[in-house]
Structure formats: C-alpha cells, structure tokens
C-alpha cells in the first residue's frame, strides 16, 4: 500500500492515539472473586447446561442472597459518581 507523507503522518498520529487509549485503560476488576474450585464448577456447568442457563441460575441465587441484606443506606457506584459530578 502506497501512502503520501500526509497519509503516513495521519496514520502515525492515529496509531499513537490508539496506543495512548490502550495504555490508559483501567483494569477490569471482577465484582466477585470466585475460588478456583467454584470457577472450575461454573465452567463445567456451562459446558453441560449452557452459558445462559448457568448465568441465570447464578444471578437468581445471588439476587436472593442479597435480598437478605439491608442495603437501603448503601450507595451504589452510580450514586457516588452522580454525587461527585454535582460537586
């Protein structure tokens, strides 16, 4: 592919911007840190029953467990962000 000097400079600039975006990405820290044995069993269950069914079952169990906790006065991450944006 032939490119003019202007095209090459534009490409270099775009590549630099992509690399900068990549380098500034935040780590995707999982919400729940499952043990290795649990992860292994989840993977086995997904192979046997499918991703959607296992995800649905896990969400149901976690939702039920969380319903036992008093979370009325707990701020969500979204609420905290809204409060920070207001200041």
N, C-alpha and C. Protein backbone atom coordinates (compact mmCIF):
# COMPACT_ATOMS: atom_id res chain seq x y z
N UNK A 1 0.85 -1.17 0.00
CA UNK A 1 0.00 0.00 0.00
C UNK A 1 0.89 1.23 0.00
N UNK A 2 0.69 2.09 -0.96
CA UNK A 2 1.46 3.32 -1.03
C UNK A 2 0.70 4.42 -0.31
N UNK A 3 1.45 5.26 0.37
CA UNK A 3 0.84 6.37 1.09
C UNK A 3 1.70 7.61 0.93
N UNK A 4 1.04 8.74 0.91
CA UNK A 4 1.76 10.00 0.84
C UNK A 4 2.31 10.32 2.23
N UNK A 5 3.17 11.33 2.29
CA UNK A 5 3.71 11.74 3.59
C UNK A 5 2.59 12.18 4.53
N UNK A 6 1.60 12.87 4.00
CA UNK A 6 0.48 13.34 4.83
C UNK A 6 -0.30 12.15 5.38
N UNK A 7 -0.57 11.16 4.51
CA UNK A 7 -1.30 9.97 4.96
C UNK A 7 -0.51 9.21 6.01
N UNK A 8 0.79 9.11 5.83
CA UNK A 8 1.64 8.42 6.80
C UNK A 8 1.62 9.12 8.15
N UNK A 9 1.69 10.44 8.14
CA UNK A 9 1.64 11.21 9.39
C UNK A 9 0.30 11.05 10.08
N UNK A 10 -0.78 11.06 9.29
CA UNK A 10 -2.13 10.87 9.87
C UNK A 10 -2.24 9.49 10.50
N UNK A 11 -1.72 8.49 9.80
CA UNK A 11 -1.75 7.13 10.33
C UNK A 11 -0.93 7.03 11.62
N UNK A 12 0.27 7.61 11.62
CA UNK A 12 1.11 7.59 12.82
C UNK A 12 0.41 8.26 14.00
N UNK A 13 -0.23 9.39 13.73
CA UNK A 13 -0.94 10.12 14.80
C UNK A 13 -2.10 9.28 15.33
N UNK A 14 -2.86 8.67 14.43
CA UNK A 14 -3.99 7.83 14.84
C UNK A 14 -3.50 6.63 15.66
N UNK A 15 -2.42 6.02 15.23
CA UNK A 15 -1.85 4.89 15.95
C UNK A 15 -1.38 5.31 17.34
N UNK A 16 -0.74 6.46 17.43
CA UNK A 16 -0.32 6.98 18.74
C UNK A 16 -1.52 7.18 19.67
N UNK A 17 -2.62 7.70 19.12
CA UNK A 17 -3.82 7.92 19.93
C UNK A 17 -4.41 6.59 20.41
N UNK A 18 -4.43 5.59 19.54
CA UNK A 18 -4.95 4.27 19.92
C UNK A 18 -4.08 3.67 21.02
N UNK A 19 -2.77 3.77 20.87
CA UNK A 19 -1.87 3.24 21.90
C UNK A 19 -2.03 3.98 23.22
N UNK A 20 -2.23 5.27 23.16
CA UNK A 20 -2.44 6.04 24.39
C UNK A 20 -3.73 5.61 25.08
N UNK A 21 -4.81 5.44 24.29
CA UNK A 21 -6.07 4.96 24.86
C UNK A 21 -5.89 3.59 25.50
N UNK A 22 -5.19 2.70 24.82
CA UNK A 22 -4.96 1.36 25.35
C UNK A 22 -4.16 1.42 26.65
N UNK A 23 -3.14 2.24 26.70
CA UNK A 23 -2.29 2.33 27.89
C UNK A 23 -3.03 2.95 29.07
N UNK A 24 -4.08 3.72 28.81
CA UNK A 24 -4.82 4.37 29.88
C UNK A 24 -6.07 3.60 30.32
N UNK A 25 -6.26 2.41 29.76
CA UNK A 25 -7.41 1.59 30.17
C UNK A 25 -7.28 1.19 31.62
N UNK A 26 -8.41 1.14 32.31
CA UNK A 26 -8.41 0.67 33.69
C UNK A 26 -8.54 -0.84 33.70
N UNK A 27 -7.99 -1.47 34.72
CA UNK A 27 -8.14 -2.91 34.86
C UNK A 27 -9.60 -3.25 35.11
N UNK A 28 -10.05 -4.34 34.54
CA UNK A 28 -11.41 -4.80 34.73
C UNK A 28 -11.41 -5.74 35.93
N UNK A 29 -11.59 -5.17 37.11
CA UNK A 29 -11.56 -5.94 38.35
C UNK A 29 -12.92 -6.60 38.54
N UNK A 30 -12.95 -7.93 38.69
CA UNK A 30 -14.24 -8.61 38.84
C UNK A 30 -14.96 -8.18 40.11
N UNK A 31 -16.27 -8.17 40.04
CA UNK A 31 -17.09 -7.80 41.20
C UNK A 31 -16.99 -8.87 42.28
N UNK A 32 -17.02 -10.11 41.85
CA UNK A 32 -16.93 -11.24 42.78
C UNK A 32 -15.67 -12.04 42.44
N UNK A 33 -14.90 -12.34 43.46
CA UNK A 33 -13.68 -13.14 43.28
C UNK A 33 -13.99 -14.57 43.70
N UNK A 34 -14.34 -15.40 42.71
CA UNK A 34 -14.65 -16.79 42.99
C UNK A 34 -13.36 -17.58 43.22
N UNK A 35 -13.45 -18.60 44.05
CA UNK A 35 -12.33 -19.51 44.25
C UNK A 35 -12.14 -20.37 43.00
N UNK A 36 -10.96 -20.95 42.87
CA UNK A 36 -10.65 -21.76 41.70
C UNK A 36 -11.61 -22.94 41.54
N UNK A 37 -12.00 -23.56 42.67
CA UNK A 37 -12.91 -24.69 42.59
C UNK A 37 -14.29 -24.27 42.08
N UNK A 38 -14.74 -23.08 42.49
CA UNK A 38 -16.04 -22.57 42.03
C UNK A 38 -15.97 -22.24 40.54
N UNK A 39 -14.89 -21.60 40.12
CA UNK A 39 -14.73 -21.26 38.70
C UNK A 39 -14.73 -22.54 37.86
N UNK A 40 -14.03 -23.55 38.33
CA UNK A 40 -13.98 -24.82 37.62
C UNK A 40 -15.39 -25.43 37.48
N UNK A 41 -16.16 -25.40 38.57
CA UNK A 41 -17.51 -25.95 38.53
C UNK A 41 -18.44 -25.12 37.64
N UNK A 42 -18.28 -23.82 37.65
CA UNK A 42 -19.09 -22.96 36.76
C UNK A 42 -18.77 -23.29 35.31
N UNK A 43 -17.51 -23.43 34.98
CA UNK A 43 -17.12 -23.77 33.60
C UNK A 43 -17.69 -25.12 33.19
N UNK A 44 -17.63 -26.09 34.08
CA UNK A 44 -18.18 -27.42 33.79
C UNK A 44 -19.69 -27.35 33.60
N UNK A 45 -20.36 -26.58 34.46
CA UNK A 45 -21.82 -26.45 34.36
C UNK A 45 -22.22 -25.76 33.05
N UNK A 46 -21.45 -24.74 32.64
CA UNK A 46 -21.76 -24.04 31.39
C UNK A 46 -21.59 -24.96 30.18
N UNK A 47 -20.59 -25.84 30.24
CA UNK A 47 -20.41 -26.80 29.14
C UNK A 47 -21.60 -27.76 29.07
N UNK A 48 -22.08 -28.17 30.23
CA UNK A 48 -23.15 -29.16 30.27
C UNK A 48 -24.53 -28.54 30.02
N UNK A 49 -24.81 -27.37 30.64
CA UNK A 49 -26.15 -26.80 30.60
C UNK A 49 -26.26 -25.53 29.74
N UNK A 50 -25.14 -24.97 29.34
CA UNK A 50 -25.14 -23.76 28.53
C UNK A 50 -24.92 -22.50 29.36
N UNK A 51 -24.34 -21.51 28.72
CA UNK A 51 -23.99 -20.26 29.41
C UNK A 51 -25.21 -19.54 29.96
N UNK A 52 -26.25 -19.42 29.14
CA UNK A 52 -27.42 -18.63 29.55
C UNK A 52 -28.09 -19.21 30.78
N UNK A 53 -28.30 -20.52 30.82
CA UNK A 53 -28.97 -21.14 31.96
C UNK A 53 -28.15 -20.99 33.23
N UNK A 54 -26.85 -21.24 33.15
CA UNK A 54 -26.00 -21.15 34.33
C UNK A 54 -25.92 -19.70 34.81
N UNK A 55 -25.78 -18.74 33.90
CA UNK A 55 -25.77 -17.32 34.28
C UNK A 55 -27.07 -16.94 34.98
N UNK A 56 -28.19 -17.41 34.44
CA UNK A 56 -29.49 -17.12 35.04
C UNK A 56 -29.59 -17.69 36.45
N UNK A 57 -29.15 -18.93 36.62
CA UNK A 57 -29.22 -19.58 37.94
C UNK A 57 -28.33 -18.85 38.95
N UNK A 58 -27.12 -18.51 38.54
CA UNK A 58 -26.21 -17.80 39.45
C UNK A 58 -26.79 -16.44 39.83
N UNK A 59 -27.34 -15.72 38.86
CA UNK A 59 -27.96 -14.42 39.15
C UNK A 59 -29.14 -14.57 40.10
N UNK A 60 -29.93 -15.62 39.94
CA UNK A 60 -31.07 -15.85 40.83
C UNK A 60 -30.61 -16.09 42.26
N UNK A 61 -29.59 -16.95 42.42
CA UNK A 61 -29.07 -17.26 43.75
C UNK A 61 -28.48 -16.02 44.41
N UNK A 62 -27.67 -15.28 43.67
CA UNK A 62 -27.03 -14.08 44.23
C UNK A 62 -28.08 -13.03 44.57
N UNK A 63 -29.06 -12.85 43.70
CA UNK A 63 -30.12 -11.88 43.96
C UNK A 63 -30.89 -12.24 45.24
N UNK A 64 -31.20 -13.51 45.39
CA UNK A 64 -31.89 -13.97 46.60
C UNK A 64 -31.04 -13.72 47.84
N UNK A 65 -29.75 -14.05 47.77
CA UNK A 65 -28.86 -13.85 48.90
C UNK A 65 -28.76 -12.36 49.27
N UNK A 66 -28.69 -11.51 48.26
CA UNK A 66 -28.60 -10.07 48.53
C UNK A 66 -29.90 -9.51 49.11
N UNK A 67 -31.01 -10.16 48.83
CA UNK A 67 -32.29 -9.69 49.38
C UNK A 67 -32.33 -9.87 50.90
N UNK A 68 -31.46 -10.71 51.45
CA UNK A 68 -31.41 -10.90 52.89
C UNK A 68 -30.68 -9.76 53.59
N UNK A 69 -29.95 -8.95 52.84
CA UNK A 69 -29.14 -7.89 53.42
C UNK A 69 -29.87 -6.56 53.39
N UNK A 70 -29.64 -5.75 54.40
CA UNK A 70 -30.22 -4.40 54.44
C UNK A 70 -29.31 -3.48 53.65
N UNK A 71 -29.74 -3.12 52.45
CA UNK A 71 -28.92 -2.29 51.57
C UNK A 71 -29.52 -0.91 51.36
N UNK A 72 -30.53 -0.56 52.14
CA UNK A 72 -31.22 0.72 51.95
C UNK A 72 -30.29 1.92 52.04
N UNK A 73 -29.35 1.90 52.98
CA UNK A 73 -28.47 3.06 53.18
C UNK A 73 -27.13 2.93 52.46
N UNK A 74 -26.99 1.92 51.61
CA UNK A 74 -25.75 1.72 50.87
C UNK A 74 -25.85 2.42 49.52
N UNK A 75 -24.86 3.24 49.20
CA UNK A 75 -24.83 3.92 47.91
C UNK A 75 -24.26 3.00 46.86
N UNK A 76 -24.83 3.06 45.68
CA UNK A 76 -24.26 2.32 44.57
C UNK A 76 -23.13 3.14 43.97
N UNK A 77 -22.31 2.51 43.15
CA UNK A 77 -21.22 3.20 42.48
C UNK A 77 -21.77 4.32 41.60
N UNK A 78 -22.93 4.09 40.98
CA UNK A 78 -23.56 5.08 40.12
C UNK A 78 -24.00 6.30 40.94
N UNK A 79 -24.56 6.06 42.16
CA UNK A 79 -24.97 7.16 43.03
C UNK A 79 -23.76 7.99 43.45
N UNK A 80 -22.66 7.32 43.78
CA UNK A 80 -21.44 8.02 44.18
C UNK A 80 -20.92 8.87 43.03
N UNK A 81 -20.97 8.34 41.80
CA UNK A 81 -20.50 9.09 40.65
C UNK A 81 -21.37 10.33 40.42
N UNK A 82 -22.70 10.17 40.59
CA UNK A 82 -23.61 11.31 40.43
C UNK A 82 -23.31 12.39 41.46
N UNK A 83 -23.01 11.98 42.71
CA UNK A 83 -22.68 12.95 43.75
C UNK A 83 -21.39 13.68 43.42
N UNK A 84 -20.39 12.97 42.89
CA UNK A 84 -19.12 13.59 42.51
C UNK A 84 -19.31 14.57 41.36
N UNK A 85 -20.19 14.23 40.43
CA UNK A 85 -20.45 15.10 39.28
C UNK A 85 -21.15 16.38 39.70
N UNK A 86 -21.93 16.32 40.77
CA UNK A 86 -22.66 17.50 41.25
C UNK A 86 -21.75 18.50 41.95
N UNK A 87 -20.58 18.05 42.40
CA UNK A 87 -19.67 18.98 43.12
C UNK A 87 -18.71 19.64 42.19
